[in-house]
N, C-alpha and C. Protein backbone atom coordinates (compact mmCIF):
# COMPACT_ATOMS: atom_id res chain seq x y z
N MET A 1 42.24 109.78 -13.91
CA MET A 1 41.94 110.28 -15.23
C MET A 1 40.58 110.97 -15.20
N ALA A 2 40.50 112.07 -15.87
CA ALA A 2 39.24 112.85 -15.91
C ALA A 2 38.20 112.12 -16.74
N GLU A 3 36.95 112.42 -16.46
CA GLU A 3 35.87 111.83 -17.26
C GLU A 3 35.88 112.40 -18.66
N THR A 4 35.40 111.59 -19.61
CA THR A 4 35.34 112.01 -20.99
C THR A 4 33.92 111.79 -21.48
N VAL A 5 33.38 112.74 -22.21
CA VAL A 5 32.05 112.60 -22.78
C VAL A 5 32.20 111.99 -24.18
N LEU A 6 31.47 110.92 -24.43
CA LEU A 6 31.52 110.25 -25.72
C LEU A 6 30.16 110.33 -26.39
N LYS A 7 30.14 110.34 -27.70
CA LYS A 7 28.89 110.40 -28.44
C LYS A 7 28.50 109.00 -28.90
N VAL A 8 27.23 108.65 -28.69
CA VAL A 8 26.70 107.37 -29.16
C VAL A 8 26.06 107.64 -30.52
N ARG A 9 26.58 106.99 -31.54
CA ARG A 9 26.09 107.22 -32.91
C ARG A 9 25.06 106.17 -33.29
N ARG A 10 24.66 106.23 -34.53
CA ARG A 10 23.67 105.30 -35.06
C ARG A 10 24.09 103.85 -34.78
N LYS A 11 23.16 103.03 -34.44
CA LYS A 11 23.37 101.61 -34.09
C LYS A 11 24.22 101.43 -32.83
N GLY A 12 24.32 102.48 -32.01
CA GLY A 12 25.02 102.37 -30.74
C GLY A 12 26.54 102.43 -30.84
N ILE A 13 27.05 102.83 -31.99
CA ILE A 13 28.50 102.87 -32.17
C ILE A 13 29.09 104.05 -31.39
N THR A 14 30.10 103.73 -30.58
CA THR A 14 30.81 104.73 -29.79
C THR A 14 32.30 104.53 -30.00
N ILE A 15 33.02 105.60 -30.15
CA ILE A 15 34.48 105.50 -30.32
C ILE A 15 35.15 105.83 -29.00
N LEU A 16 35.99 104.90 -28.55
CA LEU A 16 36.78 105.13 -27.33
C LEU A 16 38.09 105.79 -27.74
N PRO A 17 38.37 106.97 -27.20
CA PRO A 17 39.61 107.64 -27.55
C PRO A 17 40.83 106.78 -27.18
N LYS A 18 41.91 106.97 -27.92
CA LYS A 18 43.12 106.18 -27.74
C LYS A 18 43.62 106.20 -26.30
N ARG A 19 43.63 107.36 -25.65
CA ARG A 19 44.15 107.46 -24.29
C ARG A 19 43.31 106.62 -23.32
N LEU A 20 41.99 106.53 -23.56
CA LEU A 20 41.15 105.67 -22.70
C LEU A 20 41.43 104.21 -22.97
N ARG A 21 41.56 103.84 -24.25
CA ARG A 21 41.85 102.42 -24.59
C ARG A 21 43.18 102.00 -23.99
N GLU A 22 44.19 102.84 -24.11
CA GLU A 22 45.51 102.48 -23.58
C GLU A 22 45.48 102.38 -22.07
N ALA A 23 44.79 103.29 -21.41
CA ALA A 23 44.73 103.27 -19.94
C ALA A 23 43.99 102.02 -19.44
N ALA A 24 43.02 101.54 -20.22
CA ALA A 24 42.24 100.37 -19.80
C ALA A 24 42.81 99.07 -20.33
N GLY A 25 43.86 99.14 -21.16
CA GLY A 25 44.44 97.92 -21.71
C GLY A 25 43.59 97.30 -22.79
N ILE A 26 42.90 98.13 -23.55
CA ILE A 26 42.03 97.64 -24.62
C ILE A 26 42.76 97.89 -25.95
N ALA A 27 43.15 96.81 -26.63
CA ALA A 27 43.87 96.89 -27.89
C ALA A 27 42.89 96.93 -29.05
N GLU A 28 43.39 97.40 -30.19
CA GLU A 28 42.57 97.44 -31.40
C GLU A 28 42.11 96.03 -31.76
N ASP A 29 40.87 95.89 -32.16
CA ASP A 29 40.24 94.62 -32.53
C ASP A 29 40.09 93.64 -31.37
N SER A 30 40.29 94.10 -30.13
CA SER A 30 40.07 93.22 -29.00
C SER A 30 38.60 93.28 -28.59
N GLU A 31 38.21 92.37 -27.73
CA GLU A 31 36.82 92.34 -27.26
C GLU A 31 36.74 92.95 -25.88
N VAL A 32 35.57 93.49 -25.55
CA VAL A 32 35.32 94.03 -24.23
C VAL A 32 34.05 93.39 -23.69
N LYS A 33 33.95 93.31 -22.37
CA LYS A 33 32.73 92.86 -21.70
C LYS A 33 31.96 94.09 -21.28
N ALA A 34 30.66 94.06 -21.45
CA ALA A 34 29.81 95.17 -21.03
C ALA A 34 28.85 94.68 -19.96
N LYS A 35 28.70 95.50 -18.92
CA LYS A 35 27.79 95.14 -17.83
C LYS A 35 26.98 96.39 -17.45
N VAL A 36 25.69 96.21 -17.35
CA VAL A 36 24.82 97.31 -16.95
C VAL A 36 24.82 97.42 -15.43
N LEU A 37 25.14 98.60 -14.92
CA LEU A 37 25.14 98.88 -13.49
C LEU A 37 24.09 99.96 -13.21
N PRO A 38 23.71 100.13 -11.95
CA PRO A 38 22.74 101.18 -11.64
C PRO A 38 23.20 102.58 -12.08
N SER A 39 24.52 102.78 -12.10
CA SER A 39 25.03 104.11 -12.46
C SER A 39 25.41 104.24 -13.92
N GLY A 40 25.29 103.18 -14.72
CA GLY A 40 25.64 103.26 -16.13
C GLY A 40 26.12 101.92 -16.66
N ILE A 41 26.98 101.96 -17.66
CA ILE A 41 27.52 100.76 -18.29
C ILE A 41 29.01 100.66 -18.02
N LEU A 42 29.44 99.48 -17.60
CA LEU A 42 30.85 99.24 -17.33
C LEU A 42 31.42 98.43 -18.49
N LEU A 43 32.50 98.94 -19.11
CA LEU A 43 33.20 98.21 -20.15
C LEU A 43 34.53 97.74 -19.58
N ARG A 44 34.83 96.46 -19.79
CA ARG A 44 36.11 95.90 -19.31
C ARG A 44 36.73 95.08 -20.42
N PRO A 45 38.06 95.05 -20.49
CA PRO A 45 38.69 94.21 -21.49
C PRO A 45 38.30 92.75 -21.25
N PHE A 46 38.03 92.04 -22.32
CA PHE A 46 37.74 90.61 -22.22
C PHE A 46 39.03 89.86 -22.51
N ALA A 47 39.39 88.95 -21.64
CA ALA A 47 40.65 88.24 -21.78
C ALA A 47 40.44 86.73 -21.82
N ASN A 48 40.88 86.11 -22.92
CA ASN A 48 40.87 84.65 -22.98
C ASN A 48 41.97 84.08 -22.12
N GLU A 49 43.08 84.82 -22.02
CA GLU A 49 44.21 84.41 -21.19
C GLU A 49 44.49 85.52 -20.18
N PRO A 50 43.71 85.58 -19.09
CA PRO A 50 43.81 86.71 -18.16
C PRO A 50 45.18 86.89 -17.52
N VAL A 51 45.89 85.80 -17.24
CA VAL A 51 47.21 85.92 -16.61
C VAL A 51 48.18 86.62 -17.55
N ARG A 52 48.18 86.23 -18.81
CA ARG A 52 49.07 86.88 -19.79
C ARG A 52 48.72 88.34 -19.95
N VAL A 53 47.43 88.64 -20.00
CA VAL A 53 46.99 90.02 -20.14
C VAL A 53 47.44 90.86 -18.95
N LEU A 54 47.29 90.32 -17.74
CA LEU A 54 47.72 91.05 -16.54
C LEU A 54 49.22 91.30 -16.54
N GLU A 55 50.00 90.30 -17.00
CA GLU A 55 51.44 90.46 -17.05
C GLU A 55 51.85 91.57 -17.99
N GLU A 56 51.07 91.81 -19.04
CA GLU A 56 51.43 92.79 -20.05
C GLU A 56 50.89 94.19 -19.75
N LEU A 57 50.13 94.36 -18.68
CA LEU A 57 49.62 95.69 -18.35
C LEU A 57 50.78 96.63 -18.01
N PRO A 58 50.67 97.87 -18.47
CA PRO A 58 51.78 98.83 -18.23
C PRO A 58 51.72 99.42 -16.83
N ILE A 59 51.97 98.56 -15.82
CA ILE A 59 51.95 99.05 -14.43
C ILE A 59 53.31 98.80 -13.79
N GLU A 60 53.64 99.61 -12.83
CA GLU A 60 54.90 99.44 -12.12
C GLU A 60 54.73 98.30 -11.13
N ARG A 61 55.60 97.33 -11.24
CA ARG A 61 55.51 96.18 -10.36
C ARG A 61 56.59 96.25 -9.30
N LYS A 62 56.23 95.76 -8.14
CA LYS A 62 57.22 95.63 -7.07
C LYS A 62 57.87 94.27 -7.24
N ARG A 63 58.67 93.86 -6.28
CA ARG A 63 59.34 92.56 -6.39
C ARG A 63 58.32 91.45 -6.60
N SER A 64 58.73 90.46 -7.34
CA SER A 64 57.84 89.33 -7.58
C SER A 64 57.74 88.46 -6.32
N SER A 65 56.74 87.64 -6.27
CA SER A 65 56.56 86.73 -5.14
C SER A 65 57.75 85.79 -5.01
N VAL A 66 58.29 85.34 -6.14
CA VAL A 66 59.45 84.43 -6.11
C VAL A 66 60.63 85.13 -5.45
N THR A 67 60.88 86.37 -5.79
CA THR A 67 61.98 87.12 -5.17
C THR A 67 61.75 87.24 -3.67
N ASN A 68 60.54 87.58 -3.27
CA ASN A 68 60.24 87.70 -1.84
C ASN A 68 60.42 86.38 -1.10
N ILE A 69 60.01 85.28 -1.71
CA ILE A 69 60.16 83.97 -1.09
C ILE A 69 61.63 83.62 -0.95
N ARG A 70 62.43 83.90 -1.99
CA ARG A 70 63.87 83.62 -1.89
C ARG A 70 64.52 84.44 -0.80
N ARG A 71 64.16 85.71 -0.66
CA ARG A 71 64.73 86.54 0.40
C ARG A 71 64.34 86.00 1.77
N LEU A 72 63.09 85.59 1.91
CA LEU A 72 62.62 85.04 3.18
C LEU A 72 63.37 83.74 3.50
N ARG A 73 63.56 82.88 2.51
CA ARG A 73 64.27 81.62 2.71
C ARG A 73 65.70 81.88 3.16
N LYS A 74 66.39 82.84 2.54
CA LYS A 74 67.76 83.17 2.94
C LYS A 74 67.79 83.68 4.38
N SER A 75 66.81 84.49 4.73
CA SER A 75 66.75 85.02 6.09
C SER A 75 66.55 83.89 7.11
N ILE A 76 65.68 82.96 6.81
CA ILE A 76 65.43 81.84 7.70
C ILE A 76 66.68 80.97 7.82
N ASP A 77 67.33 80.69 6.68
CA ASP A 77 68.56 79.89 6.71
C ASP A 77 69.62 80.56 7.55
N ARG A 78 69.79 81.87 7.40
CA ARG A 78 70.78 82.61 8.18
C ARG A 78 70.48 82.51 9.67
N GLU A 79 69.22 82.67 10.05
CA GLU A 79 68.83 82.57 11.46
C GLU A 79 69.13 81.17 12.02
N GLN A 80 68.89 80.16 11.22
CA GLN A 80 69.14 78.79 11.65
C GLN A 80 70.61 78.51 11.86
N ARG A 81 71.45 79.06 10.98
CA ARG A 81 72.92 78.87 11.12
C ARG A 81 73.46 79.57 12.35
N GLU A 82 72.85 80.70 12.71
CA GLU A 82 73.31 81.48 13.87
C GLU A 82 72.93 80.81 15.18
N LYS A 83 72.00 79.89 15.20
CA LYS A 83 71.56 79.24 16.46
C LYS A 83 72.51 78.15 16.86
């Protein structure tokens, strides 16, 4: 995503455009964590329930760990039967 220039208004109020909020997983009325870095300020979504938040992120997921474990177990069982 390209960089976006934002304006800091009176009392430090800055508006994050919708496309940035959606890309970062920041919902309306949610909280963010701010951290000062040598290169600027880092804003991150604050999550009380991080696992649930991660599950809801709009990312393409590959097979789950459970599916991979089941496939591995079947493969091991098949090898054992063939011996």
